[in-house]
Amino acid sequence: MDPVSALREVAFWLEREHAKTYRVQAYRHAADVVAGLSEAGRRERHRTGTWTELPGIGPKTAAVIRESVDGTPAYLEELRESAEPIGRGAGDLRTALRGDLHTHSDWSDGGSPVDEMMRTAQTMIGHEYCAVTDHSPRLTVANGLTPERLRTQLGVIAELNAAGNGLRILTGIEVDILEDGSLDQDEDLLAELDVVVASVHSKLRAERSAMTRRMVRAVTNPHVDVLGHCTGRLVTGGRGHRPESTFDAEKVFSACRDHGTAIEINCRPERRDPPARLIDLALRLGCRFAIDTDAHAPGQLDWLGYGCERAAERGVEPEDVVNTWPVEELLAWTVE
């Protein structure tokens, strides 16, 4: 087995199971070190058993590298066998998903490059397509992309797509919904993107009527395709707890329905957004959904099952979810 692939897969399984970041990064860093060696250099390190002399490679990562020469490393086999399915109650919904419309890379606050995120989306998750939706400029704490940086990223994505590795990488953004409901990016640039996820990240405790006006204006913008994590709540995890934003959900969701904006079922365990009662409301109103990971690292791309399970419990069917569609049908919808 290729040692670089083995190390990256170990990192994937650890990350998927919420392991400490330093453990994940140890294997990912070791993969980068080995990837930088020539074939002759790898053979010499293997012959002399000097992997641990390389910076950042310790006994555990060296064992994975060494064992990969003869097959699948024991630690990787152990991780594969012990991995529990995510979203046991998801039914047909998980298998129906063709892609993910909300992911982040190290261009904003993600932890890995675009190519690594997309390689994982294809090889480990089996996606047909995946959108890169890094943050917009106002979210400076997340290193949001200026128009200039976003255009540069679009060039990187075009090169990756031109390589033709089987995964369609969709251009996108998670654009901030500003206080007046306008969007935190140039309108002309938003029009060029495949997928626009609009989310509230500031003034989350705004008064109900103000928040309703703000969200309605955003979801009726013709460039917006998905309303991201609509209540902004946090229910668990290291970031603490945060209550839901208050807004007239029937008015906001009706606007989503009438203007072709999908409501995101966010798969992050700390969000579980929307709450069950709001998924029920959106279903009654006839809204469409997007089930997205909001992944900030490769191992999180397999968290789709968390959202699928919650959606299936409320009666969401595959036909209600836009990212079960073939990519050309999806893109036709986003430009409507």
C-alpha atoms as a PDB file:
ATOM      1  CA  MET A   1       0.000   0.000   0.000  1.00  0.00           C
ATOM      2  CA  ASP A   2       1.237   3.493  -0.773  1.00  0.00           C
ATOM      3  CA  PRO A   3       2.486   4.868   2.571  1.00  0.00           C
ATOM      4  CA  VAL A   4       1.173   8.360   1.852  1.00  0.00           C
ATOM      5  CA  SER A   5      -2.312   6.997   1.226  1.00  0.00           C
ATOM      6  CA  ALA A   6      -2.075   4.831   4.335  1.00  0.00           C
ATOM      7  CA  LEU A   7      -1.091   7.758   6.557  1.00  0.00           C
ATOM      8  CA  ARG A   8      -3.825   9.977   5.160  1.00  0.00           C
ATOM      9  CA  GLU A   9      -6.425   7.285   5.642  1.00  0.00           C
ATOM     10  CA  VAL A  10      -5.358   6.818   9.267  1.00  0.00           C
ATOM     11  CA  ALA A  11      -5.838  10.573   9.737  1.00  0.00           C
ATOM     12  CA  PHE A  12      -9.267  10.339   8.097  1.00  0.00           C
ATOM     13  CA  TRP A  13     -10.541   7.624  10.438  1.00  0.00           C
ATOM     14  CA  LEU A  14      -9.159   9.381  13.515  1.00  0.00           C
ATOM     15  CA  GLU A  15     -10.741  12.675  12.497  1.00  0.00           C
ATOM     16  CA  ARG A  16     -14.046  11.013  11.671  1.00  0.00           C
ATOM     17  CA  GLU A  17     -14.182   9.710  15.239  1.00  0.00           C
ATOM     18  CA  HIS A  18     -13.412  13.131  16.796  1.00  0.00           C
ATOM     19  CA  ALA A  19      -9.834  12.303  17.844  1.00  0.00           C
ATOM     20  CA  LYS A  20      -7.617  15.035  19.235  1.00  0.00           C
ATOM     21  CA  THR A  21      -6.327  17.342  16.509  1.00  0.00           C
ATOM     22  CA  TYR A  22      -2.679  16.747  17.355  1.00  0.00           C
ATOM     23  CA  ARG A  23      -3.104  13.010  16.710  1.00  0.00           C
ATOM     24  CA  VAL A  24      -4.718  13.607  13.349  1.00  0.00           C
ATOM     25  CA  GLN A  25      -2.125  16.158  12.321  1.00  0.00           C
ATOM     26  CA  ALA A  26       0.745  13.817  13.234  1.00  0.00           C
ATOM     27  CA  TYR A  27      -0.311  11.356  10.540  1.00  0.00           C
ATOM     28  CA  ARG A  28      -1.167  14.045   8.020  1.00  0.00           C
ATOM     29  CA  HIS A  29       2.212  15.734   8.556  1.00  0.00           C
ATOM     30  CA  ALA A  30       4.002  12.399   8.169  1.00  0.00           C
ATOM     31  CA  ALA A  31       2.144  11.874   4.875  1.00  0.00           C
ATOM     32  CA  ASP A  32       3.406  15.232   3.621  1.00  0.00           C
ATOM     33  CA  VAL A  33       6.972  14.357   4.605  1.00  0.00           C
ATOM     34  CA  VAL A  34       6.878  11.016   2.801  1.00  0.00           C
ATOM     35  CA  ALA A  35       5.187  12.582  -0.235  1.00  0.00           C
ATOM     36  CA  GLY A  36       8.155  14.936  -0.516  1.00  0.00           C
ATOM     37  CA  LEU A  37      10.659  12.086  -0.873  1.00  0.00           C
ATOM     38  CA  SER A  38      11.772  10.598  -4.157  1.00  0.00           C
ATOM     39  CA  GLU A  39      11.163   6.916  -4.806  1.00  0.00           C
ATOM     40  CA  ALA A  40      14.856   6.297  -4.309  1.00  0.00           C
ATOM     41  CA  GLY A  41      14.740   8.188  -1.025  1.00  0.00           C
ATOM     42  CA  ARG A  42      11.814   6.089   0.185  1.00  0.00           C
ATOM     43  CA  ARG A  43      13.587   2.846  -0.715  1.00  0.00           C
ATOM     44  CA  GLU A  44      16.710   3.934   1.137  1.00  0.00           C
ATOM     45  CA  ARG A  45      14.765   4.903   4.263  1.00  0.00           C
ATOM     46  CA  HIS A  46      12.993   1.558   4.194  1.00  0.00           C
ATOM     47  CA  ARG A  47      16.224  -0.365   3.681  1.00  0.00           C
ATOM     48  CA  THR A  48      17.988   1.384   6.543  1.00  0.00           C
ATOM     49  CA  GLY A  49      14.962   1.649   8.838  1.00  0.00           C
ATOM     50  CA  THR A  50      15.603   5.345   9.422  1.00  0.00           C
ATOM     51  CA  TRP A  51      12.108   6.777   9.050  1.00  0.00           C
ATOM     52  CA  THR A  52      12.176   8.306  12.536  1.00  0.00           C
ATOM     53  CA  GLU A  53      15.189  10.394  11.602  1.00  0.00           C
ATOM     54  CA  LEU A  54      12.892  12.505   9.433  1.00  0.00           C
ATOM     55  CA  PRO A  55      11.322  15.528  11.181  1.00  0.00           C
ATOM     56  CA  GLY A  56       7.839  14.867  12.491  1.00  0.00           C
ATOM     57  CA  ILE A  57       7.926  11.080  12.057  1.00  0.00           C
ATOM     58  CA  GLY A  58       7.746   9.120  15.301  1.00  0.00           C
ATOM     59  CA  PRO A  59       7.518   5.420  16.097  1.00  0.00           C
ATOM     60  CA  LYS A  60       3.766   5.121  15.406  1.00  0.00           C
ATOM     61  CA  THR A  61       3.781   6.899  12.055  1.00  0.00           C
ATOM     62  CA  ALA A  62       6.987   5.068  11.107  1.00  0.00           C
ATOM     63  CA  ALA A  63       5.258   1.744  11.798  1.00  0.00           C
ATOM     64  CA  VAL A  64       2.447   2.644   9.408  1.00  0.00           C
ATOM     65  CA  ILE A  65       4.970   3.624   6.736  1.00  0.00           C
ATOM     66  CA  ARG A  66       7.056   0.487   7.217  1.00  0.00           C
ATOM     67  CA  GLU A  67       4.104  -1.921   7.213  1.00  0.00           C
ATOM     68  CA  SER A  68       2.537  -0.311   4.143  1.00  0.00           C
ATOM     69  CA  VAL A  69       5.386  -1.634   2.023  1.00  0.00           C
ATOM     70  CA  ASP A  70       4.064  -5.189   2.475  1.00  0.00           C
ATOM     71  CA  GLY A  71       0.333  -4.488   2.618  1.00  0.00           C
ATOM     72  CA  THR A  72      -2.215  -2.746   4.806  1.00  0.00           C
ATOM     73  CA  PRO A  73      -0.729  -1.501   8.106  1.00  0.00           C
ATOM     74  CA  ALA A  74      -2.154  -3.163  11.206  1.00  0.00           C
ATOM     75  CA  TYR A  75      -3.231   0.133  12.772  1.00  0.00           C
ATOM     76  CA  LEU A  76      -5.142   1.095   9.644  1.00  0.00           C
ATOM     77  CA  GLU A  77      -6.898  -2.272   9.575  1.00  0.00           C
ATOM     78  CA  GLU A  78      -7.825  -1.801  13.224  1.00  0.00           C
ATOM     79  CA  LEU A  79      -9.296   1.645  12.544  1.00  0.00           C
ATOM     80  CA  ARG A  80     -11.280   0.388   9.572  1.00  0.00           C
ATOM     81  CA  GLU A  81     -12.717  -2.530  11.504  1.00  0.00           C
ATOM     82  CA  SER A  82     -13.616  -0.493  14.586  1.00  0.00           C
ATOM     83  CA  ALA A  83     -15.281   2.384  12.722  1.00  0.00           C
ATOM     84  CA  GLU A  84     -18.967   2.530  13.588  1.00  0.00           C
ATOM     85  CA  PRO A  85     -21.443   3.534  10.875  1.00  0.00           C
ATOM     86  CA  ILE A  86     -22.591   7.141  11.201  1.00  0.00           C
ATOM     87  CA  GLY A  87     -26.341   7.556  10.961  1.00  0.00           C
ATOM     88  CA  ARG A  88     -27.694   4.044  11.374  1.00  0.00           C
ATOM     89  CA  GLY A  89     -31.245   5.358  11.074  1.00  0.00           C
ATOM     90  CA  ALA A  90     -30.672   7.236   7.834  1.00  0.00           C
ATOM     91  CA  GLY A  91     -32.302   4.592   5.649  1.00  0.00           C
ATOM     92  CA  ASP A  92     -32.023   5.237   1.922  1.00  0.00           C
ATOM     93  CA  LEU A  93     -31.251   8.913   2.411  1.00  0.00           C
ATOM     94  CA  ARG A  94     -27.512   8.557   3.010  1.00  0.00           C
ATOM     95  CA  THR A  95     -26.928   6.327  -0.007  1.00  0.00           C
ATOM     96  CA  ALA A  96     -28.961   8.687  -2.190  1.00  0.00           C
ATOM     97  CA  LEU A  97     -26.656  11.653  -1.560  1.00  0.00           C
ATOM     98  CA  ARG A  98     -24.366  12.396  -4.483  1.00  0.00           C
ATOM     99  CA  GLY A  99     -22.431  15.286  -2.989  1.00  0.00           C
ATOM    100  CA  ASP A 100     -21.908  17.917  -0.317  1.00  0.00           C
ATOM    101  CA  LEU A 101     -22.697  21.607  -0.803  1.00  0.00           C
ATOM    102  CA  HIS A 102     -20.962  23.094   2.268  1.00  0.00           C
ATOM    103  CA  THR A 103     -17.273  22.460   3.012  1.00  0.00           C
ATOM    104  CA  HIS A 104     -14.283  24.551   4.074  1.00  0.00           C
ATOM    105  CA  SER A 105     -10.600  24.442   3.211  1.00  0.00           C
ATOM    106  CA  ASP A 106      -7.475  26.097   4.579  1.00  0.00           C
ATOM    107  CA  TRP A 107      -8.246  29.084   2.389  1.00  0.00           C
ATOM    108  CA  SER A 108     -10.495  30.211   5.266  1.00  0.00           C
ATOM    109  CA  ASP A 109     -10.856  28.343   8.574  1.00  0.00           C
ATOM    110  CA  GLY A 110     -10.553  24.755   7.387  1.00  0.00           C
ATOM    111  CA  GLY A 111      -7.525  22.655   8.205  1.00  0.00           C
ATOM    112  CA  SER A 112      -6.608  21.137   4.835  1.00  0.00           C
ATOM    113  CA  PRO A 113      -5.978  22.244   1.243  1.00  0.00           C
ATOM    114  CA  VAL A 114      -8.719  22.057  -1.360  1.00  0.00           C
ATOM    115  CA  ASP A 115      -7.097  19.139  -3.162  1.00  0.00           C
ATOM    116  CA  GLU A 116      -6.904  17.043   0.011  1.00  0.00           C
ATOM    117  CA  MET A 117     -10.522  17.775   0.918  1.00  0.00           C
ATOM    118  CA  MET A 118     -11.693  16.884  -2.570  1.00  0.00           C
ATOM    119  CA  ARG A 119      -9.516  13.768  -2.841  1.00  0.00           C
ATOM    120  CA  THR A 120     -11.095  12.509   0.389  1.00  0.00           C
ATOM    121  CA  ALA A 121     -14.588  13.404  -0.850  1.00  0.00           C
ATOM    122  CA  GLN A 122     -14.006  11.189  -3.870  1.00  0.00           C
ATOM    123  CA  THR A 123     -11.937   8.281  -2.562  1.00  0.00           C
ATOM    124  CA  MET A 124     -13.277   7.853   0.973  1.00  0.00           C
ATOM    125  CA  ILE A 125     -16.837   9.208   0.711  1.00  0.00           C
ATOM    126  CA  GLY A 126     -17.634   8.349  -2.906  1.00  0.00           C
ATOM    127  CA  HIS A 127     -19.048  11.728  -3.870  1.00  0.00           C
ATOM    128  CA  GLU A 128     -19.779  12.628  -7.472  1.00  0.00           C
ATOM    129  CA  TYR A 129     -19.458  16.326  -6.669  1.00  0.00           C
ATOM    130  CA  CYS A 130     -18.499  18.541  -3.772  1.00  0.00           C
ATOM    131  CA  ALA A 131     -18.622  22.307  -3.278  1.00  0.00           C
ATOM    132  CA  VAL A 132     -15.868  24.410  -1.715  1.00  0.00           C
ATOM    133  CA  THR A 133     -17.653  27.118   0.275  1.00  0.00           C
ATOM    134  CA  ASP A 134     -15.106  29.088   2.245  1.00  0.00           C
ATOM    135  CA  HIS A 135     -16.115  32.141   4.254  1.00  0.00           C
ATOM    136  CA  SER A 136     -16.653  35.683   2.989  1.00  0.00           C
ATOM    137  CA  PRO A 137     -14.559  38.789   3.881  1.00  0.00           C
ATOM    138  CA  ARG A 138     -16.393  40.160   6.942  1.00  0.00           C
ATOM    139  CA  LEU A 139     -15.733  36.975   8.916  1.00  0.00           C
ATOM    140  CA  THR A 140     -12.142  37.923   9.610  1.00  0.00           C
ATOM    141  CA  VAL A 141     -11.884  35.473  12.519  1.00  0.00           C
ATOM    142  CA  ALA A 142     -12.299  32.725   9.901  1.00  0.00           C
ATOM    143  CA  ASN A 143      -9.909  34.336   7.392  1.00  0.00           C
ATOM    144  CA  GLY A 144     -12.761  35.111   5.016  1.00  0.00           C
ATOM    145  CA  LEU A 145     -11.931  35.456   1.336  1.00  0.00           C
ATOM    146  CA  THR A 146     -11.711  38.861  -0.298  1.00  0.00           C
ATOM    147  CA  PRO A 147     -12.948  39.013  -3.893  1.00  0.00           C
ATOM    148  CA  GLU A 148      -9.329  38.824  -5.052  1.00  0.00           C
ATOM    149  CA  ARG A 149      -8.558  35.708  -2.984  1.00  0.00           C
ATOM    150  CA  LEU A 150     -11.803  34.056  -4.037  1.00  0.00           C
ATOM    151  CA  ARG A 151     -10.978  34.627  -7.702  1.00  0.00           C
ATOM    152  CA  THR A 152      -7.569  33.071  -7.132  1.00  0.00           C
ATOM    153  CA  GLN A 153      -9.247  30.067  -5.507  1.00  0.00           C
ATOM    154  CA  LEU A 154     -11.547  29.723  -8.505  1.00  0.00           C
ATOM    155  CA  GLY A 155      -8.440  29.335 -10.662  1.00  0.00           C
ATOM    156  CA  VAL A 156      -7.136  26.574  -8.397  1.00  0.00           C
ATOM    157  CA  ILE A 157     -10.461  24.746  -8.598  1.00  0.00           C
ATOM    158  CA  ALA A 158     -10.512  25.100 -12.397  1.00  0.00           C
ATOM    159  CA  GLU A 159      -7.080  23.440 -12.564  1.00  0.00           C
ATOM    160  CA  LEU A 160      -8.191  20.580 -10.323  1.00  0.00           C
ATOM    161  CA  ASN A 161     -11.311  20.026 -12.423  1.00  0.00           C
ATOM    162  CA  ALA A 162      -9.225  20.096 -15.605  1.00  0.00           C
ATOM    163  CA  ALA A 163      -7.127  17.235 -14.196  1.00  0.00           C
ATOM    164  CA  GLY A 164     -10.220  15.069 -14.608  1.00  0.00           C
ATOM    165  CA  ASN A 165      -9.991  12.854 -11.536  1.00  0.00           C
ATOM    166  CA  GLY A 166     -13.679  11.924 -11.562  1.00  0.00           C
ATOM    167  CA  LEU A 167     -15.011  14.361  -8.949  1.00  0.00           C
ATOM    168  CA  ARG A 168     -16.721  17.562 -10.047  1.00  0.00           C
ATOM    169  CA  ILE A 169     -15.551  20.319  -7.715  1.00  0.00           C
ATOM    170  CA  LEU A 170     -18.192  23.019  -7.455  1.00  0.00           C
ATOM    171  CA  THR A 171     -17.202  26.615  -6.862  1.00  0.00           C
ATOM    172  CA  GLY A 172     -18.942  28.268  -3.957  1.00  0.00           C
ATOM    173  CA  ILE A 173     -18.964  30.396  -0.850  1.00  0.00           C
ATOM    174  CA  GLU A 174     -20.548  30.536   2.569  1.00  0.00           C
ATOM    175  CA  VAL A 175     -21.489  34.169   2.400  1.00  0.00           C
ATOM    176  CA  ASP A 176     -22.345  36.128   5.518  1.00  0.00           C
ATOM    177  CA  ILE A 177     -25.832  37.578   5.791  1.00  0.00           C
ATOM    178  CA  LEU A 178     -25.198  41.124   6.969  1.00  0.00           C
ATOM    179  CA  GLU A 179     -27.419  42.988   9.424  1.00  0.00           C
ATOM    180  CA  ASP A 180     -29.579  44.509   6.705  1.00  0.00           C
ATOM    181  CA  GLY A 181     -29.909  41.187   4.852  1.00  0.00           C
ATOM    182  CA  SER A 182     -27.429  42.029   2.119  1.00  0.00           C
ATOM    183  CA  LEU A 183     -24.648  39.602   1.269  1.00  0.00           C
ATOM    184  CA  ASP A 184     -20.971  39.935   2.112  1.00  0.00           C
ATOM    185  CA  GLN A 185     -19.537  39.557  -1.384  1.00  0.00           C
ATOM    186  CA  ASP A 186     -19.673  41.248  -4.773  1.00  0.00           C
ATOM    187  CA  GLU A 187     -22.919  40.439  -6.562  1.00  0.00           C
ATOM    188  CA  ASP A 188     -21.142  39.865  -9.875  1.00  0.00           C
ATOM    189  CA  LEU A 189     -18.807  37.376  -8.240  1.00  0.00           C
ATOM    190  CA  LEU A 190     -21.665  35.549  -6.517  1.00  0.00           C
ATOM    191  CA  ALA A 191     -23.299  35.172  -9.934  1.00  0.00           C
ATOM    192  CA  GLU A 192     -20.242  33.257 -11.176  1.00  0.00           C
ATOM    193  CA  LEU A 193     -20.324  30.625  -8.438  1.00  0.00           C
ATOM    194  CA  ASP A 194     -21.971  27.219  -8.671  1.00  0.00           C
ATOM    195  CA  VAL A 195     -23.300  27.208  -5.092  1.00  0.00           C
ATOM    196  CA  VAL A 196     -23.967  30.045  -2.642  1.00  0.00           C
ATOM    197  CA  VAL A 197     -24.700  29.131   0.981  1.00  0.00           C
ATOM    198  CA  ALA A 198     -25.893  32.148   2.993  1.00  0.00           C
ATOM    199  CA  SER A 199     -25.541  32.096   6.785  1.00  0.00           C
ATOM    200  CA  VAL A 200     -25.843  34.422   9.757  1.00  0.00           C
ATOM    201  CA  HIS A 201     -22.647  34.614  11.817  1.00  0.00           C
ATOM    202  CA  SER A 202     -23.053  37.917  13.658  1.00  0.00           C
ATOM    203  CA  LYS A 203     -25.673  39.640  15.838  1.00  0.00           C
ATOM    204  CA  LEU A 204     -27.254  36.242  16.442  1.00  0.00           C
ATOM    205  CA  ARG A 205     -29.322  37.602  19.339  1.00  0.00           C
ATOM    206  CA  ALA A 206     -31.007  40.283  17.233  1.00  0.00           C
ATOM    207  CA  GLU A 207     -34.679  40.989  17.900  1.00  0.00           C
ATOM    208  CA  ARG A 208     -37.124  38.584  16.191  1.00  0.00           C
ATOM    209  CA  SER A 209     -38.599  40.970  13.616  1.00  0.00           C
ATOM    210  CA  ALA A 210     -35.196  42.347  12.648  1.00  0.00           C
ATOM    211  CA  MET A 211     -33.763  38.850  12.214  1.00  0.00           C
ATOM    212  CA  THR A 212     -36.780  37.816  10.154  1.00  0.00           C
ATOM    213  CA  ARG A 213     -36.381  40.782   7.785  1.00  0.00           C
ATOM    214  CA  ARG A 214     -32.666  40.103   7.529  1.00  0.00           C
ATOM    215  CA  MET A 215     -33.104  36.440   6.634  1.00  0.00           C
ATOM    216  CA  VAL A 216     -36.010  36.961   4.234  1.00  0.00           C
ATOM    217  CA  ARG A 217     -34.015  39.508   2.261  1.00  0.00           C
ATOM    218  CA  ALA A 218     -31.087  37.100   2.022  1.00  0.00           C
ATOM    219  CA  VAL A 219     -32.983  33.976   0.981  1.00  0.00           C
ATOM    220  CA  THR A 220     -34.896  35.897  -1.699  1.00  0.00           C
ATOM    221  CA  ASN A 221     -31.636  37.082  -3.280  1.00  0.00           C
ATOM    222  CA  PRO A 222     -31.447  35.279  -6.646  1.00  0.00           C
ATOM    223  CA  HIS A 223     -27.835  34.258  -6.042  1.00  0.00           C
ATOM    224  CA  VAL A 224     -28.566  32.356  -2.813  1.00  0.00           C
ATOM    225  CA  ASP A 225     -29.073  28.609  -3.151  1.00  0.00           C
ATOM    226  CA  VAL A 226     -28.945  27.347   0.449  1.00  0.00           C
ATOM    227  CA  LEU A 227     -29.795  28.869   3.838  1.00  0.00           C
ATOM    228  CA  GLY A 228     -27.029  27.615   6.151  1.00  0.00           C
ATOM    229  CA  HIS A 229     -27.476  26.507   9.816  1.00  0.00           C
ATOM    230  CA  CYS A 230     -30.521  28.712  10.187  1.00  0.00           C
ATOM    231  CA  THR A 231     -30.782  29.078  13.987  1.00  0.00           C
ATOM    232  CA  GLY A 232     -27.051  29.393  14.665  1.00  0.00           C
ATOM    233  CA  ARG A 233     -27.391  27.265  17.787  1.00  0.00           C
ATOM    234  CA  LEU A 234     -24.640  25.215  19.436  1.00  0.00           C
ATOM    235  CA  VAL A 235     -25.814  22.299  21.546  1.00  0.00           C
ATOM    236  CA  THR A 236     -22.572  20.594  22.547  1.00  0.00           C
ATOM    237  CA  GLY A 237     -18.822  20.571  22.013  1.00  0.00           C
ATOM    238  CA  GLY A 238     -15.798  22.638  22.830  1.00  0.00           C
ATOM    239  CA  ARG A 239     -17.300  25.894  21.590  1.00  0.00           C
ATOM    240  CA  GLY A 240     -19.871  25.811  24.371  1.00  0.00           C
ATOM    241  CA  HIS A 241     -23.622  26.249  24.108  1.00  0.00           C
ATOM    242  CA  ARG A 242     -25.471  28.942  22.176  1.00  0.00           C
ATOM    243  CA  PRO A 243     -29.243  29.423  22.042  1.00  0.00           C
ATOM    244  CA  GLU A 244     -31.204  29.619  18.836  1.00  0.00           C
ATOM    245  CA  SER A 245     -31.665  32.907  17.050  1.00  0.00           C
ATOM    246  CA  THR A 246     -35.291  33.991  17.102  1.00  0.00           C
ATOM    247  CA  PHE A 247     -37.122  34.660  13.843  1.00  0.00           C
ATOM    248  CA  ASP A 248     -40.453  33.975  12.177  1.00  0.00           C
ATOM    249  CA  ALA A 249     -39.569  30.573  10.756  1.00  0.00           C
ATOM    250  CA  GLU A 250     -42.792  30.225   8.782  1.00  0.00           C
ATOM    251  CA  LYS A 251     -42.144  33.518   7.004  1.00  0.00           C
ATOM    252  CA  VAL A 252     -38.476  32.727   6.325  1.00  0.00           C
ATOM    253  CA  PHE A 253     -39.123  29.168   5.166  1.00  0.00           C
ATOM    254  CA  SER A 254     -42.021  30.254   2.965  1.00  0.00           C
ATOM    255  CA  ALA A 255     -39.666  32.727   1.307  1.00  0.00           C
ATOM    256  CA  CYS A 256     -37.161  29.894   0.815  1.00  0.00           C
ATOM    257  CA  ARG A 257     -39.836  27.764  -0.834  1.00  0.00           C
ATOM    258  CA  ASP A 258     -41.102  30.536  -3.074  1.00  0.00           C
ATOM    259  CA  HIS A 259     -37.622  31.610  -4.229  1.00  0.00           C
ATOM    260  CA  GLY A 260     -36.045  28.177  -4.659  1.00  0.00           C
ATOM    261  CA  THR A 261     -33.676  28.323  -1.698  1.00  0.00           C
ATOM    262  CA  ALA A 262     -32.938  25.039   0.062  1.00  0.00           C
ATOM    263  CA  ILE A 263     -32.817  24.841   3.855  1.00  0.00           C
ATOM    264  CA  GLU A 264     -29.658  23.235   5.108  1.00  0.00           C
ATOM    265  CA  ILE A 265     -29.734  20.316   7.514  1.00  0.00           C
ATOM    266  CA  ASN A 266     -26.309  20.873   9.016  1.00  0.00           C
ATOM    267  CA  CYS A 267     -24.527  17.642   9.973  1.00  0.00           C
ATOM    268  CA  ARG A 268     -22.080  19.031  12.515  1.00  0.00           C
ATOM    269  CA  PRO A 269     -22.766  17.297  15.852  1.00  0.00           C
ATOM    270  CA  GLU A 270     -22.442  20.533  17.799  1.00  0.00           C
ATOM    271  CA  ARG A 271     -25.078  22.276  15.680  1.00  0.00           C
ATOM    272  CA  ARG A 272     -27.898  19.786  14.884  1.00  0.00           C
ATOM    273  CA  ASP A 273     -29.472  22.655  13.008  1.00  0.00           C
ATOM    274  CA  PRO A 274     -32.370  23.062  12.307  1.00  0.00           C
ATOM    275  CA  PRO A 275     -34.049  21.601  15.381  1.00  0.00           C
ATOM    276  CA  ALA A 276     -36.600  18.847  14.728  1.00  0.00           C
ATOM    277  CA  ARG A 277     -39.627  21.134  14.981  1.00  0.00           C
ATOM    278  CA  LEU A 278     -38.220  23.383  12.232  1.00  0.00           C
ATOM    279  CA  ILE A 279     -37.506  20.448   9.937  1.00  0.00           C
ATOM    280  CA  ASP A 280     -41.152  19.483  10.451  1.00  0.00           C
ATOM    281  CA  LEU A 281     -42.274  23.011   9.592  1.00  0.00           C
ATOM    282  CA  ALA A 282     -40.136  23.146   6.464  1.00  0.00           C
ATOM    283  CA  LEU A 283     -41.582  19.825   5.315  1.00  0.00           C
ATOM    284  CA  ARG A 284     -45.153  21.039   5.861  1.00  0.00           C
ATOM    285  CA  LEU A 285     -44.408  24.161   3.854  1.00  0.00           C
ATOM    286  CA  GLY A 286     -42.976  22.167   0.949  1.00  0.00           C
ATOM    287  CA  CYS A 287     -39.377  23.344   1.216  1.00  0.00           C
ATOM    288  CA  ARG A 288     -36.353  21.688  -0.299  1.00  0.00           C
ATOM    289  CA  PHE A 289     -33.352  20.684   1.798  1.00  0.00           C
ATOM    290  CA  ALA A 290     -29.601  20.350   1.430  1.00  0.00           C
ATOM    291  CA  ILE A 291     -27.907  17.907   3.802  1.00  0.00           C
ATOM    292  CA  ASP A 292     -24.362  19.215   4.250  1.00  0.00           C
ATOM    293  CA  THR A 293     -21.424  18.462   6.523  1.00  0.00           C
ATOM    294  CA  ASP A 294     -20.042  21.991   6.930  1.00  0.00           C
ATOM    295  CA  ALA A 295     -16.776  20.016   7.071  1.00  0.00           C
ATOM    296  CA  HIS A 296     -13.629  21.875   8.105  1.00  0.00           C
ATOM    297  CA  ALA A 297     -11.363  18.833   7.748  1.00  0.00           C
ATOM    298  CA  PRO A 298     -11.297  15.678   5.575  1.00  0.00           C
ATOM    299  CA  GLY A 299     -12.499  13.259   8.270  1.00  0.00           C
ATOM    300  CA  GLN A 300     -15.578  15.398   8.851  1.00  0.00           C
ATOM    301  CA  LEU A 301     -16.777  14.773   5.300  1.00  0.00           C
ATOM    302  CA  ASP A 302     -18.187  11.458   6.540  1.00  0.00           C
ATOM    303  CA  TRP A 303     -20.449  13.187   9.042  1.00  0.00           C
ATOM    304  CA  LEU A 304     -23.295  13.235   6.510  1.00  0.00           C
ATOM    305  CA  GLY A 305     -24.923  10.374   8.359  1.00  0.00           C
ATOM    306  CA  TYR A 306     -25.600  12.577  11.379  1.00  0.00           C
ATOM    307  CA  GLY A 307     -27.767  14.905   9.317  1.00  0.00           C
ATOM    308  CA  CYS A 308     -29.327  12.104   7.276  1.00  0.00           C
ATOM    309  CA  GLU A 309     -30.442  10.314  10.415  1.00  0.00           C
ATOM    310  CA  ARG A 310     -32.089  13.441  11.813  1.00  0.00           C
ATOM    311  CA  ALA A 311     -33.740  14.136   8.453  1.00  0.00           C
ATOM    312  CA  ALA A 312     -35.034  10.577   8.070  1.00  0.00           C
ATOM    313  CA  GLU A 313     -36.516  10.670  11.572  1.00  0.00           C
ATOM    314  CA  ARG A 314     -38.646  13.648  10.506  1.00  0.00           C
ATOM    315  CA  GLY A 315     -39.775  12.046   7.242  1.00  0.00           C
ATOM    316  CA  VAL A 316     -37.478  13.795   4.766  1.00  0.00           C
ATOM    317  CA  GLU A 317     -37.302  11.745   1.557  1.00  0.00           C
ATOM    318  CA  PRO A 318     -34.456  11.653  -0.981  1.00  0.00           C
ATOM    319  CA  GLU A 319     -36.523  13.614  -3.497  1.00  0.00           C
ATOM    320  CA  ASP A 320     -36.761  16.472  -0.956  1.00  0.00           C
ATOM    321  CA  VAL A 321     -32.955  16.885  -0.914  1.00  0.00           C
ATOM    322  CA  VAL A 322     -31.185  18.785  -3.686  1.00  0.00           C
ATOM    323  CA  ASN A 323     -27.829  17.047  -3.280  1.00  0.00           C
ATOM    324  CA  THR A 324     -29.359  13.717  -4.237  1.00  0.00           C
ATOM    325  CA  TRP A 325     -29.684  15.126  -7.757  1.00  0.00           C
ATOM    326  CA  PRO A 326     -27.199  14.533 -10.613  1.00  0.00           C
ATOM    327  CA  VAL A 327     -24.761  17.417 -10.914  1.00  0.00           C
ATOM    328  CA  GLU A 328     -26.196  18.849 -14.135  1.00  0.00           C
ATOM    329  CA  GLU A 329     -29.702  18.901 -12.645  1.00  0.00           C
ATOM    330  CA  LEU A 330     -28.342  20.536  -9.498  1.00  0.00           C
ATOM    331  CA  LEU A 331     -26.512  23.226 -11.471  1.00  0.00           C
ATOM    332  CA  ALA A 332     -29.567  23.905 -13.618  1.00  0.00           C
ATOM    333  CA  TRP A 333     -31.482  24.536 -10.388  1.00  0.00           C
ATOM    334  CA  THR A 334     -28.850  26.865  -8.906  1.00  0.00           C
ATOM    335  CA  VAL A 335     -28.983  29.162 -11.952  1.00  0.00           C
ATOM    336  CA  GLU A 336     -32.794  29.323 -12.096  1.00  0.00           C
END
